[in-house]
N, C-alpha and C. Protein backbone atom coordinates (compact mmCIF):
# COMPACT_ATOMS: atom_id res chain seq x y z
N MET A 1 -3.57 -21.06 -15.92
CA MET A 1 -4.27 -19.88 -15.47
C MET A 1 -4.98 -20.18 -14.15
N PRO A 2 -4.71 -19.39 -13.09
CA PRO A 2 -5.37 -19.63 -11.80
C PRO A 2 -6.88 -19.46 -11.89
N LYS A 3 -7.61 -20.34 -11.21
CA LYS A 3 -9.06 -20.27 -11.25
C LYS A 3 -9.66 -20.08 -9.86
N ASP A 4 -8.84 -19.68 -8.90
CA ASP A 4 -9.33 -19.46 -7.55
C ASP A 4 -9.44 -17.96 -7.29
N ALA A 5 -10.48 -17.59 -6.56
CA ALA A 5 -10.62 -16.20 -6.14
C ALA A 5 -9.54 -15.87 -5.12
N VAL A 6 -9.11 -14.62 -5.10
CA VAL A 6 -8.14 -14.16 -4.11
C VAL A 6 -8.92 -13.68 -2.89
N ASP A 7 -8.71 -14.33 -1.77
CA ASP A 7 -9.38 -13.97 -0.52
C ASP A 7 -8.47 -13.01 0.24
N LEU A 8 -8.77 -11.72 0.17
CA LEU A 8 -7.91 -10.71 0.78
C LEU A 8 -7.79 -10.88 2.29
N ALA A 9 -8.89 -11.22 2.96
CA ALA A 9 -8.85 -11.41 4.41
C ALA A 9 -7.92 -12.57 4.76
N ALA A 10 -7.97 -13.65 4.02
CA ALA A 10 -7.09 -14.79 4.28
C ALA A 10 -5.64 -14.42 4.03
N LYS A 11 -5.38 -13.68 2.97
CA LYS A 11 -4.01 -13.25 2.68
C LYS A 11 -3.49 -12.36 3.80
N LEU A 12 -4.32 -11.41 4.24
CA LEU A 12 -3.90 -10.50 5.31
C LEU A 12 -3.68 -11.22 6.64
N SER A 13 -4.42 -12.29 6.88
CA SER A 13 -4.27 -13.02 8.15
C SER A 13 -3.01 -13.88 8.16
N SER A 14 -2.34 -14.01 7.03
CA SER A 14 -1.18 -14.90 6.96
C SER A 14 0.14 -14.22 7.32
N PHE A 15 0.12 -12.93 7.64
CA PHE A 15 1.35 -12.24 8.04
C PHE A 15 1.03 -11.16 9.07
N SER A 16 2.07 -10.69 9.77
CA SER A 16 1.85 -9.70 10.82
C SER A 16 2.69 -8.44 10.68
N GLN A 17 3.66 -8.43 9.78
CA GLN A 17 4.55 -7.27 9.63
C GLN A 17 3.78 -6.06 9.12
N TYR A 18 4.15 -4.89 9.67
CA TYR A 18 3.58 -3.64 9.19
C TYR A 18 4.47 -3.04 8.12
N TRP A 19 3.85 -2.28 7.22
CA TRP A 19 4.54 -1.53 6.16
C TRP A 19 5.34 -2.44 5.24
N SER A 20 4.89 -3.67 5.07
CA SER A 20 5.60 -4.64 4.22
C SER A 20 4.62 -5.25 3.22
N PRO A 21 4.39 -4.57 2.08
CA PRO A 21 3.39 -5.03 1.12
C PRO A 21 3.71 -6.42 0.55
N LYS A 22 2.64 -7.20 0.34
CA LYS A 22 2.75 -8.54 -0.22
C LYS A 22 1.95 -8.59 -1.51
N VAL A 23 2.57 -9.03 -2.58
CA VAL A 23 1.88 -9.18 -3.87
C VAL A 23 0.92 -10.36 -3.77
N VAL A 24 -0.35 -10.11 -4.13
CA VAL A 24 -1.34 -11.19 -4.12
C VAL A 24 -1.88 -11.51 -5.51
N ALA A 25 -1.62 -10.62 -6.47
CA ALA A 25 -2.08 -10.85 -7.85
C ALA A 25 -1.35 -9.88 -8.77
N ARG A 26 -1.44 -10.18 -10.07
CA ARG A 26 -0.85 -9.31 -11.08
C ARG A 26 -1.90 -8.99 -12.14
N LEU A 27 -1.82 -7.79 -12.66
CA LEU A 27 -2.72 -7.33 -13.71
C LEU A 27 -1.87 -6.61 -14.74
N ASN A 28 -1.64 -7.24 -15.87
CA ASN A 28 -0.73 -6.70 -16.88
C ASN A 28 0.61 -6.40 -16.22
N ASP A 29 1.08 -5.17 -16.24
CA ASP A 29 2.36 -4.82 -15.63
C ASP A 29 2.19 -4.25 -14.22
N TYR A 30 1.03 -4.50 -13.61
CA TYR A 30 0.75 -3.98 -12.28
C TYR A 30 0.73 -5.11 -11.26
N GLU A 31 1.03 -4.73 -10.02
CA GLU A 31 0.93 -5.67 -8.91
C GLU A 31 -0.17 -5.21 -7.97
N ILE A 32 -0.97 -6.17 -7.52
CA ILE A 32 -2.00 -5.93 -6.53
C ILE A 32 -1.37 -6.42 -5.22
N LYS A 33 -1.29 -5.53 -4.23
CA LYS A 33 -0.61 -5.86 -2.97
C LYS A 33 -1.56 -5.63 -1.81
N VAL A 34 -1.38 -6.41 -0.75
CA VAL A 34 -2.05 -6.13 0.51
C VAL A 34 -0.97 -5.78 1.52
N VAL A 35 -1.37 -4.94 2.49
CA VAL A 35 -0.40 -4.46 3.47
C VAL A 35 -1.13 -4.14 4.77
N LYS A 36 -0.42 -4.35 5.87
CA LYS A 36 -0.90 -3.93 7.18
C LYS A 36 -0.11 -2.69 7.57
N LEU A 37 -0.82 -1.70 8.08
CA LEU A 37 -0.21 -0.42 8.43
C LEU A 37 -0.52 -0.09 9.88
N SER A 38 0.43 0.55 10.53
CA SER A 38 0.21 1.03 11.89
C SER A 38 1.17 2.17 12.16
N GLY A 39 0.65 3.28 12.66
CA GLY A 39 1.48 4.43 12.96
C GLY A 39 1.80 5.26 11.73
N GLU A 40 2.91 5.98 11.80
CA GLU A 40 3.30 6.90 10.73
C GLU A 40 4.41 6.30 9.87
N PHE A 41 4.29 6.46 8.57
CA PHE A 41 5.30 6.00 7.62
C PHE A 41 6.31 7.13 7.42
N VAL A 42 7.01 7.14 6.31
CA VAL A 42 7.98 8.20 5.99
C VAL A 42 7.43 9.07 4.86
N TRP A 43 7.82 10.34 4.85
CA TRP A 43 7.50 11.21 3.73
C TRP A 43 8.29 10.71 2.53
N HIS A 44 7.60 10.55 1.40
CA HIS A 44 8.27 10.06 0.19
C HIS A 44 7.42 10.39 -1.03
N LYS A 45 7.97 10.13 -2.20
CA LYS A 45 7.22 10.30 -3.44
C LYS A 45 7.69 9.27 -4.45
N HIS A 46 6.85 9.07 -5.45
CA HIS A 46 7.16 8.17 -6.56
C HIS A 46 7.12 9.03 -7.82
N ASP A 47 8.29 9.32 -8.36
CA ASP A 47 8.37 10.24 -9.51
C ASP A 47 7.74 9.69 -10.78
N ASP A 48 7.70 8.36 -10.91
CA ASP A 48 7.28 7.76 -12.18
C ASP A 48 5.90 7.12 -12.18
N THR A 49 5.20 7.16 -11.05
CA THR A 49 3.91 6.48 -11.02
C THR A 49 2.96 7.05 -9.97
N ASP A 50 1.67 6.95 -10.25
CA ASP A 50 0.64 7.20 -9.26
C ASP A 50 0.63 6.00 -8.30
N GLU A 51 -0.02 6.18 -7.15
CA GLU A 51 -0.11 5.08 -6.18
C GLU A 51 -1.53 5.03 -5.62
N LEU A 52 -2.19 3.88 -5.75
CA LEU A 52 -3.56 3.73 -5.28
C LEU A 52 -3.58 3.06 -3.91
N PHE A 53 -4.26 3.69 -2.96
CA PHE A 53 -4.49 3.13 -1.63
C PHE A 53 -5.99 2.84 -1.51
N PHE A 54 -6.35 1.59 -1.21
CA PHE A 54 -7.73 1.21 -0.96
C PHE A 54 -7.79 0.63 0.45
N VAL A 55 -8.55 1.27 1.34
CA VAL A 55 -8.64 0.82 2.73
C VAL A 55 -9.68 -0.28 2.83
N ILE A 56 -9.22 -1.43 3.28
CA ILE A 56 -10.09 -2.58 3.49
C ILE A 56 -10.69 -2.52 4.89
N GLU A 57 -9.85 -2.16 5.86
CA GLU A 57 -10.28 -2.10 7.26
C GLU A 57 -9.48 -1.03 7.98
N GLY A 58 -10.15 -0.22 8.79
CA GLY A 58 -9.47 0.79 9.58
C GLY A 58 -9.59 2.18 8.99
N GLU A 59 -8.76 3.09 9.51
CA GLU A 59 -8.75 4.48 9.05
C GLU A 59 -7.32 4.90 8.73
N LEU A 60 -7.16 5.50 7.57
CA LEU A 60 -5.85 5.91 7.08
C LEU A 60 -5.90 7.36 6.64
N THR A 61 -4.89 8.11 7.04
CA THR A 61 -4.73 9.48 6.56
C THR A 61 -3.53 9.52 5.64
N ILE A 62 -3.72 10.11 4.48
CA ILE A 62 -2.61 10.34 3.56
C ILE A 62 -2.26 11.82 3.70
N ARG A 63 -1.15 12.09 4.35
CA ARG A 63 -0.69 13.47 4.49
C ARG A 63 0.02 13.88 3.22
N MET A 64 -0.28 15.08 2.77
CA MET A 64 0.41 15.69 1.64
C MET A 64 0.73 17.12 2.03
N ARG A 65 1.68 17.72 1.40
CA ARG A 65 2.13 19.05 1.80
C ARG A 65 1.01 20.09 1.69
N ASP A 66 0.05 19.88 0.78
CA ASP A 66 -1.03 20.86 0.61
C ASP A 66 -2.36 20.42 1.22
N GLY A 67 -2.33 19.41 2.10
CA GLY A 67 -3.55 18.97 2.77
C GLY A 67 -3.63 17.46 2.89
N ASP A 68 -4.46 17.01 3.82
CA ASP A 68 -4.59 15.59 4.11
C ASP A 68 -5.85 15.02 3.49
N VAL A 69 -5.81 13.70 3.22
CA VAL A 69 -6.98 12.95 2.78
C VAL A 69 -7.22 11.86 3.81
N HIS A 70 -8.44 11.78 4.33
CA HIS A 70 -8.79 10.79 5.35
C HIS A 70 -9.63 9.70 4.71
N LEU A 71 -9.22 8.45 4.91
CA LEU A 71 -9.90 7.31 4.30
C LEU A 71 -10.41 6.36 5.37
N ARG A 72 -11.62 5.84 5.14
CA ARG A 72 -12.21 4.81 5.98
C ARG A 72 -12.37 3.54 5.15
N SER A 73 -12.77 2.47 5.80
CA SER A 73 -13.00 1.21 5.10
C SER A 73 -13.87 1.42 3.87
N GLY A 74 -13.44 0.84 2.76
CA GLY A 74 -14.22 0.94 1.52
C GLY A 74 -13.88 2.15 0.68
N GLN A 75 -12.97 2.99 1.13
CA GLN A 75 -12.60 4.18 0.37
C GLN A 75 -11.20 4.04 -0.22
N LEU A 76 -10.99 4.74 -1.34
CA LEU A 76 -9.67 4.73 -1.96
C LEU A 76 -9.25 6.12 -2.34
N PHE A 77 -7.95 6.27 -2.55
CA PHE A 77 -7.38 7.53 -2.99
C PHE A 77 -6.15 7.23 -3.85
N VAL A 78 -5.99 8.00 -4.91
CA VAL A 78 -4.82 7.87 -5.77
C VAL A 78 -3.91 9.06 -5.52
N VAL A 79 -2.70 8.78 -5.06
CA VAL A 79 -1.69 9.81 -4.88
C VAL A 79 -1.03 10.00 -6.25
N PRO A 80 -1.11 11.20 -6.81
CA PRO A 80 -0.51 11.43 -8.14
C PRO A 80 1.02 11.30 -8.11
N ARG A 81 1.56 10.87 -9.22
CA ARG A 81 3.02 10.75 -9.32
C ARG A 81 3.69 12.05 -8.95
N GLY A 82 4.83 11.92 -8.26
CA GLY A 82 5.62 13.08 -7.90
C GLY A 82 5.12 13.86 -6.69
N VAL A 83 3.99 13.46 -6.10
CA VAL A 83 3.45 14.17 -4.95
C VAL A 83 4.00 13.54 -3.66
N GLU A 84 4.66 14.35 -2.86
CA GLU A 84 5.20 13.87 -1.59
C GLU A 84 4.05 13.57 -0.64
N HIS A 85 4.11 12.42 0.00
CA HIS A 85 3.03 12.00 0.90
C HIS A 85 3.58 11.16 2.04
N CYS A 86 2.76 11.06 3.09
CA CYS A 86 3.13 10.30 4.29
C CYS A 86 1.87 9.63 4.83
N PRO A 87 1.71 8.31 4.62
CA PRO A 87 0.56 7.62 5.19
C PRO A 87 0.66 7.51 6.71
N VAL A 88 -0.47 7.70 7.38
CA VAL A 88 -0.54 7.59 8.83
C VAL A 88 -1.77 6.74 9.17
N ALA A 89 -1.53 5.63 9.87
CA ALA A 89 -2.61 4.71 10.23
C ALA A 89 -3.00 4.90 11.68
N ARG A 90 -4.30 5.05 11.89
CA ARG A 90 -4.85 5.10 13.26
C ARG A 90 -5.15 3.67 13.66
N GLY A 91 -4.36 3.13 14.56
CA GLY A 91 -4.51 1.71 14.90
C GLY A 91 -4.03 0.87 13.72
N GLU A 92 -4.48 -0.36 13.67
CA GLU A 92 -4.08 -1.23 12.55
C GLU A 92 -5.01 -1.01 11.37
N VAL A 93 -4.41 -0.85 10.20
CA VAL A 93 -5.16 -0.66 8.96
C VAL A 93 -4.77 -1.77 8.00
N HIS A 94 -5.77 -2.32 7.31
CA HIS A 94 -5.53 -3.27 6.24
C HIS A 94 -5.85 -2.55 4.94
N ALA A 95 -4.93 -2.61 3.99
CA ALA A 95 -5.12 -1.88 2.74
C ALA A 95 -4.66 -2.70 1.55
N MET A 96 -5.16 -2.29 0.39
CA MET A 96 -4.71 -2.86 -0.87
C MET A 96 -4.05 -1.73 -1.66
N LEU A 97 -2.94 -2.05 -2.30
CA LEU A 97 -2.23 -1.11 -3.15
C LEU A 97 -2.24 -1.64 -4.56
N ILE A 98 -2.36 -0.76 -5.53
CA ILE A 98 -2.23 -1.14 -6.93
C ILE A 98 -1.20 -0.22 -7.54
N GLU A 99 -0.12 -0.82 -8.04
CA GLU A 99 0.98 -0.02 -8.58
C GLU A 99 1.78 -0.85 -9.58
N PRO A 100 2.54 -0.18 -10.44
CA PRO A 100 3.35 -0.92 -11.40
C PRO A 100 4.33 -1.87 -10.70
N ALA A 101 4.63 -2.97 -11.36
CA ALA A 101 5.59 -3.92 -10.81
C ALA A 101 6.91 -3.23 -10.50
N GLY A 102 7.47 -3.58 -9.35
CA GLY A 102 8.79 -3.07 -8.99
C GLY A 102 8.80 -1.79 -8.18
N VAL A 103 7.64 -1.20 -7.88
CA VAL A 103 7.61 0.03 -7.10
C VAL A 103 8.07 -0.28 -5.67
N VAL A 104 8.98 0.54 -5.17
CA VAL A 104 9.50 0.39 -3.80
C VAL A 104 8.61 1.20 -2.87
N ASN A 105 8.22 0.61 -1.74
CA ASN A 105 7.25 1.26 -0.85
C ASN A 105 7.69 2.62 -0.32
N THR A 106 8.99 2.83 -0.13
CA THR A 106 9.47 4.11 0.41
C THR A 106 9.85 5.09 -0.70
N GLY A 107 9.58 4.76 -1.95
CA GLY A 107 9.86 5.67 -3.05
C GLY A 107 11.26 6.23 -3.03
N ASP A 108 11.37 7.55 -3.06
CA ASP A 108 12.68 8.20 -3.12
C ASP A 108 13.35 8.33 -1.75
N ALA A 109 12.64 7.97 -0.66
CA ALA A 109 13.17 8.19 0.68
C ALA A 109 14.12 7.09 1.16
N GLY A 110 13.86 5.84 0.76
CA GLY A 110 14.67 4.73 1.27
C GLY A 110 14.55 4.62 2.77
N GLY A 111 15.53 4.01 3.41
CA GLY A 111 15.56 3.92 4.86
C GLY A 111 15.11 2.59 5.41
N PRO A 112 15.01 2.50 6.74
CA PRO A 112 14.73 1.23 7.40
C PRO A 112 13.34 0.66 7.14
N LEU A 113 12.38 1.46 6.69
CA LEU A 113 11.05 0.94 6.40
C LEU A 113 10.91 0.42 4.97
N THR A 114 12.00 0.45 4.20
CA THR A 114 11.95 -0.09 2.84
C THR A 114 11.75 -1.60 2.93
N ALA A 115 10.66 -2.07 2.31
CA ALA A 115 10.30 -3.49 2.38
C ALA A 115 11.01 -4.28 1.29
N GLU A 116 11.34 -5.50 1.62
CA GLU A 116 11.84 -6.45 0.62
C GLU A 116 10.69 -6.81 -0.31
N PHE A 117 10.99 -7.07 -1.57
CA PHE A 117 9.96 -7.52 -2.51
C PHE A 117 9.43 -8.85 -2.02
N ASP A 118 8.12 -9.02 -1.97
CA ASP A 118 7.52 -10.26 -1.47
C ASP A 118 6.32 -10.62 -2.33
N ASP A 119 6.49 -11.67 -3.13
CA ASP A 119 5.35 -12.16 -3.93
C ASP A 119 4.97 -13.57 -3.50
N SER A 120 5.28 -13.91 -2.25
CA SER A 120 5.01 -15.26 -1.75
C SER A 120 3.52 -15.56 -1.63
N LEU A 121 2.67 -14.55 -1.64
CA LEU A 121 1.22 -14.78 -1.52
C LEU A 121 0.51 -14.73 -2.87
N ALA A 122 1.27 -14.53 -3.94
CA ALA A 122 0.67 -14.42 -5.29
C ALA A 122 0.26 -15.79 -5.81
């Protein structure tokens, strides 16, 4: 059983790719991921799960068809399952995601921003 604290800033400083979540811990059947974001992502949805965005640093807008949610450092938002959304980062954003194991970052959209599974930081 690991006995070291997870240092999110250290984990985030170890990579530079945007929109490529890295697993840093596991909680039951969930993965705790950190990610760097910049610019606009793709519109997508996750039919089988909610998705939690927690902004560690920066400002993030979660666009949804019926309105936007604006997040600053220290704020979180849960996108309900099945809701189409498009994250947009103003400058570089550092965020933590909490979602069931195996969730693909682009959900039903696929495409070139689909990240490879990466648990190298766990």
